[in-house]
Amino acid sequence: MQWLWAIIVGFVLGLIARAILPGKQHQPLWLTTLFGMAGAILGNAVAGWIGVAHTGGIDWTRHLLQLAGAVLIVALGDMVYMSLRGGKKQMT
């Protein structure tokens, strides 16, 4: 059941990250989901490093770090995806 939650959270984080980033992202939806999942893992790791991974109540700091990780990975992943496809990203 944890893998299902990981996919759902990755999908939601990836979509939010795409909405935050300016311009059009060119990666497919399945790749956005994987990037969101990687961002959640990165955010959890950073939260553990700074000591806020487990707090009482809702872990807002951890969730914000997960979102920041997703934004970073979606942005970098889009650049890598476009360079591998041979396309040039247009600035809009």
PDB file of N, CA and C in Angstrom:
ATOM      1  N   MET A   1       0.816  -1.195   0.000  1.00  0.00           N
ATOM      2  CA  MET A   1       0.000   0.000   0.000  1.00  0.00           C
ATOM      3  C   MET A   1       0.865   1.266   0.000  1.00  0.00           C
ATOM      4  N   GLN A   2       2.083   1.170   0.550  1.00  0.00           N
ATOM      5  CA  GLN A   2       2.952   2.346   0.580  1.00  0.00           C
ATOM      6  C   GLN A   2       3.352   2.784  -0.819  1.00  0.00           C
ATOM      7  N   TRP A   3       3.510   1.853  -1.746  1.00  0.00           N
ATOM      8  CA  TRP A   3       3.888   2.226  -3.105  1.00  0.00           C
ATOM      9  C   TRP A   3       2.778   3.033  -3.767  1.00  0.00           C
ATOM     10  N   LEU A   4       1.520   2.723  -3.437  1.00  0.00           N
ATOM     11  CA  LEU A   4       0.399   3.482  -3.985  1.00  0.00           C
ATOM     12  C   LEU A   4       0.426   4.927  -3.488  1.00  0.00           C
ATOM     13  N   TRP A   5       0.693   5.121  -2.197  1.00  0.00           N
ATOM     14  CA  TRP A   5       0.793   6.469  -1.643  1.00  0.00           C
ATOM     15  C   TRP A   5       1.979   7.218  -2.236  1.00  0.00           C
ATOM     16  N   ALA A   6       3.082   6.511  -2.472  1.00  0.00           N
ATOM     17  CA  ALA A   6       4.253   7.144  -3.078  1.00  0.00           C
ATOM     18  C   ALA A   6       3.924   7.652  -4.482  1.00  0.00           C
ATOM     19  N   ILE A   7       3.170   6.869  -5.239  1.00  0.00           N
ATOM     20  CA  ILE A   7       2.771   7.294  -6.589  1.00  0.00           C
ATOM     21  C   ILE A   7       1.824   8.490  -6.515  1.00  0.00           C
ATOM     22  N   ILE A   8       0.853   8.439  -5.617  1.00  0.00           N
ATOM     23  CA  ILE A   8      -0.112   9.544  -5.490  1.00  0.00           C
ATOM     24  C   ILE A   8       0.587  10.828  -5.058  1.00  0.00           C
ATOM     25  N   VAL A   9       1.442  10.739  -4.045  1.00  0.00           N
ATOM     26  CA  VAL A   9       2.158  11.928  -3.568  1.00  0.00           C
ATOM     27  C   VAL A   9       3.092  12.450  -4.649  1.00  0.00           C
ATOM     28  N   GLY A  10       3.786  11.554  -5.354  1.00  0.00           N
ATOM     29  CA  GLY A  10       4.661  11.971  -6.449  1.00  0.00           C
ATOM     30  C   GLY A  10       3.896  12.664  -7.564  1.00  0.00           C
ATOM     31  N   PHE A  11       2.718  12.146  -7.885  1.00  0.00           N
ATOM     32  CA  PHE A  11       1.880  12.750  -8.920  1.00  0.00           C
ATOM     33  C   PHE A  11       1.454  14.159  -8.511  1.00  0.00           C
ATOM     34  N   VAL A  12       0.973  14.296  -7.288  1.00  0.00           N
ATOM     35  CA  VAL A  12       0.507  15.603  -6.814  1.00  0.00           C
ATOM     36  C   VAL A  12       1.667  16.598  -6.724  1.00  0.00           C
ATOM     37  N   LEU A  13       2.790  16.176  -6.142  1.00  0.00           N
ATOM     38  CA  LEU A  13       3.944  17.071  -6.032  1.00  0.00           C
ATOM     39  C   LEU A  13       4.468  17.462  -7.408  1.00  0.00           C
ATOM     40  N   GLY A  14       4.504  16.514  -8.333  1.00  0.00           N
ATOM     41  CA  GLY A  14       4.957  16.823  -9.687  1.00  0.00           C
ATOM     42  C   GLY A  14       4.061  17.836 -10.375  1.00  0.00           C
ATOM     43  N   LEU A  15       2.747  17.683 -10.216  1.00  0.00           N
ATOM     44  CA  LEU A  15       1.816  18.641 -10.827  1.00  0.00           C
ATOM     45  C   LEU A  15       1.944  20.026 -10.196  1.00  0.00           C
ATOM     46  N   ILE A  16       2.084  20.084  -8.883  1.00  0.00           N
ATOM     47  CA  ILE A  16       2.249  21.380  -8.221  1.00  0.00           C
ATOM     48  C   ILE A  16       3.558  22.029  -8.659  1.00  0.00           C
ATOM     49  N   ALA A  17       4.618  21.223  -8.763  1.00  0.00           N
ATOM     50  CA  ALA A  17       5.913  21.753  -9.200  1.00  0.00           C
ATOM     51  C   ALA A  17       5.820  22.305 -10.615  1.00  0.00           C
ATOM     52  N   ARG A  18       5.117  21.605 -11.500  1.00  0.00           N
ATOM     53  CA  ARG A  18       4.944  22.102 -12.873  1.00  0.00           C
ATOM     54  C   ARG A  18       4.149  23.403 -12.892  1.00  0.00           C
ATOM     55  N   ALA A  19       3.187  23.527 -11.988  1.00  0.00           N
ATOM     56  CA  ALA A  19       2.385  24.756 -11.930  1.00  0.00           C
ATOM     57  C   ALA A  19       3.213  25.923 -11.397  1.00  0.00           C
ATOM     58  N   ILE A  20       4.152  25.646 -10.505  1.00  0.00           N
ATOM     59  CA  ILE A  20       4.990  26.704  -9.928  1.00  0.00           C
ATOM     60  C   ILE A  20       6.014  27.205 -10.941  1.00  0.00           C
ATOM     61  N   LEU A  21       6.576  26.278 -11.710  1.00  0.00           N
ATOM     62  CA  LEU A  21       7.628  26.653 -12.663  1.00  0.00           C
ATOM     63  C   LEU A  21       7.063  27.486 -13.806  1.00  0.00           C
ATOM     64  N   PRO A  22       7.786  28.537 -14.217  1.00  0.00           N
ATOM     65  CA  PRO A  22       7.302  29.346 -15.339  1.00  0.00           C
ATOM     66  C   PRO A  22       7.518  28.616 -16.657  1.00  0.00           C
ATOM     67  N   GLY A  23       6.686  28.930 -17.617  1.00  0.00           N
ATOM     68  CA  GLY A  23       6.832  28.343 -18.950  1.00  0.00           C
ATOM     69  C   GLY A  23       6.237  26.952 -19.020  1.00  0.00           C
ATOM     70  N   LYS A  24       6.485  26.327 -20.159  1.00  0.00           N
ATOM     71  CA  LYS A  24       5.939  24.993 -20.421  1.00  0.00           C
ATOM     72  C   LYS A  24       7.003  23.937 -20.151  1.00  0.00           C
ATOM     73  N   GLN A  25       6.615  22.901 -19.425  1.00  0.00           N
ATOM     74  CA  GLN A  25       7.499  21.763 -19.234  1.00  0.00           C
ATOM     75  C   GLN A  25       7.116  20.715 -20.274  1.00  0.00           C
ATOM     76  N   HIS A  26       8.102  20.022 -20.787  1.00  0.00           N
ATOM     77  CA  HIS A  26       7.879  19.152 -21.936  1.00  0.00           C
ATOM     78  C   HIS A  26       7.864  17.671 -21.606  1.00  0.00           C
ATOM     79  N   GLN A  27       8.159  17.288 -20.376  1.00  0.00           N
ATOM     80  CA  GLN A  27       8.193  15.868 -20.047  1.00  0.00           C
ATOM     81  C   GLN A  27       6.777  15.315 -19.940  1.00  0.00           C
ATOM     82  N   PRO A  28       6.604  14.017 -20.225  1.00  0.00           N
ATOM     83  CA  PRO A  28       5.267  13.414 -20.105  1.00  0.00           C
ATOM     84  C   PRO A  28       4.833  13.300 -18.653  1.00  0.00           C
ATOM     85  N   LEU A  29       3.566  13.029 -18.460  1.00  0.00           N
ATOM     86  CA  LEU A  29       2.981  12.984 -17.126  1.00  0.00           C
ATOM     87  C   LEU A  29       3.599  11.885 -16.260  1.00  0.00           C
ATOM     88  N   TRP A  30       3.905  10.740 -16.841  1.00  0.00           N
ATOM     89  CA  TRP A  30       4.501   9.660 -16.057  1.00  0.00           C
ATOM     90  C   TRP A  30       5.878  10.065 -15.535  1.00  0.00           C
ATOM     91  N   LEU A  31       6.621  10.838 -16.325  1.00  0.00           N
ATOM     92  CA  LEU A  31       7.933  11.289 -15.889  1.00  0.00           C
ATOM     93  C   LEU A  31       7.804  12.378 -14.826  1.00  0.00           C
ATOM     94  N   THR A  32       6.787  13.208 -14.944  1.00  0.00           N
ATOM     95  CA  THR A  32       6.509  14.209 -13.909  1.00  0.00           C
ATOM     96  C   THR A  32       6.221  13.519 -12.577  1.00  0.00           C
ATOM     97  N   THR A  33       5.488  12.407 -12.615  1.00  0.00           N
ATOM     98  CA  THR A  33       5.194  11.650 -11.409  1.00  0.00           C
ATOM     99  C   THR A  33       6.476  11.095 -10.788  1.00  0.00           C
ATOM    100  N   LEU A  34       7.362  10.549 -11.627  1.00  0.00           N
ATOM    101  CA  LEU A  34       8.634  10.040 -11.113  1.00  0.00           C
ATOM    102  C   LEU A  34       9.488  11.163 -10.523  1.00  0.00           C
ATOM    103  N   PHE A  35       9.492  12.323 -11.188  1.00  0.00           N
ATOM    104  CA  PHE A  35      10.236  13.471 -10.668  1.00  0.00           C
ATOM    105  C   PHE A  35       9.644  13.927  -9.333  1.00  0.00           C
ATOM    106  N   GLY A  36       8.316  13.912  -9.209  1.00  0.00           N
ATOM    107  CA  GLY A  36       7.669  14.270  -7.948  1.00  0.00           C
ATOM    108  C   GLY A  36       8.022  13.305  -6.839  1.00  0.00           C
ATOM    109  N   MET A  37       8.083  12.015  -7.163  1.00  0.00           N
ATOM    110  CA  MET A  37       8.469  11.015  -6.176  1.00  0.00           C
ATOM    111  C   MET A  37       9.919  11.232  -5.731  1.00  0.00           C
ATOM    112  N   ALA A  38      10.787  11.530  -6.680  1.00  0.00           N
ATOM    113  CA  ALA A  38      12.195  11.800  -6.340  1.00  0.00           C
ATOM    114  C   ALA A  38      12.305  13.063  -5.490  1.00  0.00           C
ATOM    115  N   GLY A  39      11.488  14.074  -5.785  1.00  0.00           N
ATOM    116  CA  GLY A  39      11.477  15.290  -4.984  1.00  0.00           C
ATOM    117  C   GLY A  39      11.026  15.028  -3.559  1.00  0.00           C
ATOM    118  N   ALA A  40      10.051  14.139  -3.397  1.00  0.00           N
ATOM    119  CA  ALA A  40       9.598  13.782  -2.049  1.00  0.00           C
ATOM    120  C   ALA A  40      10.703  13.076  -1.277  1.00  0.00           C
ATOM    121  N   ILE A  41      11.430  12.204  -1.957  1.00  0.00           N
ATOM    122  CA  ILE A  41      12.540  11.501  -1.302  1.00  0.00           C
ATOM    123  C   ILE A  41      13.631  12.499  -0.914  1.00  0.00           C
ATOM    124  N   LEU A  42      13.940  13.419  -1.826  1.00  0.00           N
ATOM    125  CA  LEU A  42      14.947  14.440  -1.535  1.00  0.00           C
ATOM    126  C   LEU A  42      14.513  15.323  -0.363  1.00  0.00           C
ATOM    127  N   GLY A  43      13.258  15.746  -0.361  1.00  0.00           N
ATOM    128  CA  GLY A  43      12.742  16.573   0.736  1.00  0.00           C
ATOM    129  C   GLY A  43      12.776  15.856   2.064  1.00  0.00           C
ATOM    130  N   ASN A  44      12.440  14.552   2.066  1.00  0.00           N
ATOM    131  CA  ASN A  44      12.515  13.767   3.307  1.00  0.00           C
ATOM    132  C   ASN A  44      13.948  13.654   3.800  1.00  0.00           C
ATOM    133  N   ALA A  45      14.890  13.471   2.872  1.00  0.00           N
ATOM    134  CA  ALA A  45      16.301  13.369   3.263  1.00  0.00           C
ATOM    135  C   ALA A  45      16.790  14.674   3.884  1.00  0.00           C
ATOM    136  N   VAL A  46      16.453  15.792   3.263  1.00  0.00           N
ATOM    137  CA  VAL A  46      16.867  17.098   3.796  1.00  0.00           C
ATOM    138  C   VAL A  46      16.221  17.334   5.157  1.00  0.00           C
ATOM    139  N   ALA A  47      14.952  16.966   5.300  1.00  0.00           N
ATOM    140  CA  ALA A  47      14.271  17.120   6.588  1.00  0.00           C
ATOM    141  C   ALA A  47      14.966  16.304   7.670  1.00  0.00           C
ATOM    142  N   GLY A  48      15.414  15.117   7.326  1.00  0.00           N
ATOM    143  CA  GLY A  48      16.149  14.298   8.288  1.00  0.00           C
ATOM    144  C   GLY A  48      17.494  14.910   8.640  1.00  0.00           C
ATOM    145  N   TRP A  49      18.173  15.472   7.654  1.00  0.00           N
ATOM    146  CA  TRP A  49      19.485  16.078   7.894  1.00  0.00           C
ATOM    147  C   TRP A  49      19.398  17.284   8.819  1.00  0.00           C
ATOM    148  N   ILE A  50      18.315  18.066   8.686  1.00  0.00           N
ATOM    149  CA  ILE A  50      18.207  19.258   9.529  1.00  0.00           C
ATOM    150  C   ILE A  50      17.397  18.998  10.804  1.00  0.00           C
ATOM    151  N   GLY A  51      16.908  17.770  10.982  1.00  0.00           N
ATOM    152  CA  GLY A  51      16.264  17.386  12.232  1.00  0.00           C
ATOM    153  C   GLY A  51      14.797  17.720  12.346  1.00  0.00           C
ATOM    154  N   VAL A  52      14.084  17.865  11.249  1.00  0.00           N
ATOM    155  CA  VAL A  52      12.650  18.169  11.326  1.00  0.00           C
ATOM    156  C   VAL A  52      11.800  17.084  10.654  1.00  0.00           C
ATOM    157  N   ALA A  53      12.350  15.902  10.511  1.00  0.00           N
ATOM    158  CA  ALA A  53      11.620  14.834   9.821  1.00  0.00           C
ATOM    159  C   ALA A  53      10.414  14.355  10.612  1.00  0.00           C
ATOM    160  N   HIS A  54      10.517  14.319  11.928  1.00  0.00           N
ATOM    161  CA  HIS A  54       9.420  13.816  12.753  1.00  0.00           C
ATOM    162  C   HIS A  54       9.116  14.838  13.839  1.00  0.00           C
ATOM    163  N   THR A  55       8.008  15.500  13.678  1.00  0.00           N
ATOM    164  CA  THR A  55       7.570  16.480  14.662  1.00  0.00           C
ATOM    165  C   THR A  55       6.146  16.150  15.070  1.00  0.00           C
ATOM    166  N   GLY A  56       5.678  16.777  16.120  1.00  0.00           N
ATOM    167  CA  GLY A  56       4.303  16.577  16.541  1.00  0.00           C
ATOM    168  C   GLY A  56       3.344  17.296  15.595  1.00  0.00           C
ATOM    169  N   GLY A  57       2.250  16.645  15.273  1.00  0.00           N
ATOM    170  CA  GLY A  57       1.267  17.264  14.381  1.00  0.00           C
ATOM    171  C   GLY A  57       1.662  17.105  12.920  1.00  0.00           C
ATOM    172  N   ILE A  58       1.257  18.072  12.110  1.00  0.00           N
ATOM    173  CA  ILE A  58       1.537  18.038  10.676  1.00  0.00           C
ATOM    174  C   ILE A  58       2.950  18.556  10.433  1.00  0.00           C
ATOM    175  N   ASP A  59       3.713  17.835   9.652  1.00  0.00           N
ATOM    176  CA  ASP A  59       5.100  18.198   9.367  1.00  0.00           C
ATOM    177  C   ASP A  59       5.161  19.192   8.204  1.00  0.00           C
ATOM    178  N   TRP A  60       4.786  20.437   8.456  1.00  0.00           N
ATOM    179  CA  TRP A  60       4.738  21.435   7.384  1.00  0.00           C
ATOM    180  C   TRP A  60       6.111  21.692   6.784  1.00  0.00           C
ATOM    181  N   THR A  61       7.134  21.716   7.614  1.00  0.00           N
ATOM    182  CA  THR A  61       8.485  21.954   7.105  1.00  0.00           C
ATOM    183  C   THR A  61       8.906  20.835   6.174  1.00  0.00           C
ATOM    184  N   ARG A  62       8.622  19.613   6.537  1.00  0.00           N
ATOM    185  CA  ARG A  62       8.975  18.468   5.693  1.00  0.00           C
ATOM    186  C   ARG A  62       8.213  18.520   4.371  1.00  0.00           C
ATOM    187  N   HIS A  63       6.938  18.889   4.430  1.00  0.00           N
ATOM    188  CA  HIS A  63       6.139  18.973   3.202  1.00  0.00           C
ATOM    189  C   HIS A  63       6.654  20.087   2.285  1.00  0.00           C
ATOM    190  N   LEU A  64       7.030  21.218   2.857  1.00  0.00           N
ATOM    191  CA  LEU A  64       7.591  22.302   2.034  1.00  0.00           C
ATOM    192  C   LEU A  64       8.929  21.896   1.422  1.00  0.00           C
ATOM    193  N   LEU A  65       9.733  21.154   2.167  1.00  0.00           N
ATOM    194  CA  LEU A  65      10.996  20.658   1.620  1.00  0.00           C
ATOM    195  C   LEU A  65      10.754  19.643   0.504  1.00  0.00           C
ATOM    196  N   GLN A  66       9.717  18.821   0.639  1.00  0.00           N
ATOM    197  CA  GLN A  66       9.370  17.883  -0.425  1.00  0.00           C
ATOM    198  C   GLN A  66       8.955  18.636  -1.686  1.00  0.00           C
ATOM    199  N   LEU A  67       8.159  19.681  -1.516  1.00  0.00           N
ATOM    200  CA  LEU A  67       7.737  20.471  -2.667  1.00  0.00           C
ATOM    201  C   LEU A  67       8.926  21.177  -3.314  1.00  0.00           C
ATOM    202  N   ALA A  68       9.810  21.732  -2.508  1.00  0.00           N
ATOM    203  CA  ALA A  68      11.004  22.382  -3.049  1.00  0.00           C
ATOM    204  C   ALA A  68      11.870  21.380  -3.809  1.00  0.00           C
ATOM    205  N   GLY A  69      11.998  20.174  -3.274  1.00  0.00           N
ATOM    206  CA  GLY A  69      12.745  19.131  -3.969  1.00  0.00           C
ATOM    207  C   GLY A  69      12.091  18.763  -5.291  1.00  0.00           C
ATOM    208  N   ALA A  70      10.763  18.687  -5.305  1.00  0.00           N
ATOM    209  CA  ALA A  70      10.047  18.364  -6.538  1.00  0.00           C
ATOM    210  C   ALA A  70      10.224  19.468  -7.580  1.00  0.00           C
ATOM    211  N   VAL A  71      10.158  20.724  -7.149  1.00  0.00           N
ATOM    212  CA  VAL A  71      10.358  21.837  -8.091  1.00  0.00           C
ATOM    213  C   VAL A  71      11.755  21.765  -8.693  1.00  0.00           C
ATOM    214  N   LEU A  72      12.742  21.523  -7.857  1.00  0.00           N
ATOM    215  CA  LEU A  72      14.122  21.432  -8.330  1.00  0.00           C
ATOM    216  C   LEU A  72      14.296  20.282  -9.323  1.00  0.00           C
ATOM    217  N   ILE A  73      13.788  19.115  -8.983  1.00  0.00           N
ATOM    218  CA  ILE A  73      13.974  17.946  -9.840  1.00  0.00           C
ATOM    219  C   ILE A  73      13.152  18.052 -11.119  1.00  0.00           C
ATOM    220  N   VAL A  74      11.945  18.610 -11.054  1.00  0.00           N
ATOM    221  CA  VAL A  74      11.158  18.793 -12.276  1.00  0.00           C
ATOM    222  C   VAL A  74      11.855  19.775 -13.215  1.00  0.00           C
ATOM    223  N   ALA A  75      12.408  20.860 -12.667  1.00  0.00           N
ATOM    224  CA  ALA A  75      13.106  21.837 -13.509  1.00  0.00           C
ATOM    225  C   ALA A  75      14.349  21.228 -14.152  1.00  0.00           C
ATOM    226  N   LEU A  76      15.164  20.562 -13.350  1.00  0.00           N
ATOM    227  CA  LEU A  76      16.372  19.933 -13.890  1.00  0.00           C
ATOM    228  C   LEU A  76      16.029  18.771 -14.824  1.00  0.00           C
ATOM    229  N   GLY A  77      15.032  17.995 -14.440  1.00  0.00           N
ATOM    230  CA  GLY A  77      14.615  16.858 -15.262  1.00  0.00           C
ATOM    231  C   GLY A  77      14.085  17.290 -16.608  1.00  0.00           C
ATOM    232  N   ASP A  78      13.389  18.426 -16.663  1.00  0.00           N
ATOM    233  CA  ASP A  78      12.884  18.928 -17.940  1.00  0.00           C
ATOM    234  C   ASP A  78      14.037  19.321 -18.852  1.00  0.00           C
ATOM    235  N   MET A  79      15.066  19.950 -18.281  1.00  0.00           N
ATOM    236  CA  MET A  79      16.229  20.320 -19.100  1.00  0.00           C
ATOM    237  C   MET A  79      16.931  19.077 -19.646  1.00  0.00           C
ATOM    238  N   VAL A  80      17.095  18.064 -18.802  1.00  0.00           N
ATOM    239  CA  VAL A  80      17.742  16.828 -19.246  1.00  0.00           C
ATOM    240  C   VAL A  80      16.880  16.124 -20.290  1.00  0.00           C
ATOM    241  N   TYR A  81      15.577  16.069 -20.050  1.00  0.00           N
ATOM    242  CA  TYR A  81      14.655  15.421 -20.992  1.00  0.00           C
ATOM    243  C   TYR A  81      14.714  16.086 -22.358  1.00  0.00           C
ATOM    244  N   MET A  82      14.715  17.409 -22.374  1.00  0.00           N
ATOM    245  CA  MET A  82      14.755  18.124 -23.655  1.00  0.00           C
ATOM    246  C   MET A  82      16.107  17.967 -24.340  1.00  0.00           C
ATOM    247  N   SER A  83      17.191  17.911 -23.589  1.00  0.00           N
ATOM    248  CA  SER A  83      18.497  17.736 -24.219  1.00  0.00           C
ATOM    249  C   SER A  83      18.633  16.324 -24.792  1.00  0.00           C
ATOM    250  N   LEU A  84      18.040  15.334 -24.141  1.00  0.00           N
ATOM    251  CA  LEU A  84      18.080  13.976 -24.667  1.00  0.00           C
ATOM    252  C   LEU A  84      17.197  13.807 -25.899  1.00  0.00           C
ATOM    253  N   ARG A  85      16.116  14.545 -25.957  1.00  0.00           N
ATOM    254  CA  ARG A  85      15.230  14.490 -27.114  1.00  0.00           C
ATOM    255  C   ARG A  85      15.754  15.322 -28.272  1.00  0.00           C
ATOM    256  N   GLY A  86      16.727  16.172 -28.006  1.00  0.00           N
ATOM    257  CA  GLY A  86      17.297  16.995 -29.070  1.00  0.00           C
ATOM    258  C   GLY A  86      16.514  18.247 -29.355  1.00  0.00           C
ATOM    259  N   GLY A  87      15.531  18.547 -28.532  1.00  0.00           N
ATOM    260  CA  GLY A  87      14.735  19.752 -28.751  1.00  0.00           C
ATOM    261  C   GLY A  87      15.331  20.939 -28.029  1.00  0.00           C
ATOM    262  N   LYS A  88      14.976  22.101 -28.502  1.00  0.00           N
ATOM    263  CA  LYS A  88      15.414  23.324 -27.844  1.00  0.00           C
ATOM    264  C   LYS A  88      14.247  23.898 -27.082  1.00  0.00           C
ATOM    265  N   LYS A  89      14.486  24.233 -25.843  1.00  0.00           N
ATOM    266  CA  LYS A  89      13.439  24.791 -24.996  1.00  0.00           C
ATOM    267  C   LYS A  89      13.292  26.271 -25.315  1.00  0.00           C
ATOM    268  N   GLN A  90      12.055  26.665 -25.591  1.00  0.00           N
ATOM    269  CA  GLN A  90      11.788  28.057 -25.874  1.00  0.00           C
ATOM    270  C   GLN A  90      11.415  28.764 -24.577  1.00  0.00           C
ATOM    271  N   MET A  91      11.954  29.944 -24.396  1.00  0.00           N
ATOM    272  CA  MET A  91      11.613  30.740 -23.221  1.00  0.00           C
ATOM    273  C   MET A  91      10.304  31.465 -23.479  1.00  0.00           C
ATOM    274  N   THR A  92       9.325  31.262 -22.603  1.00  0.00           N
ATOM    275  CA  THR A  92       8.050  31.962 -22.757  1.00  0.00           C
ATOM    276  C   THR A  92       7.741  32.766 -21.549  1.00  0.00           C
TER     277      THR A  92
END
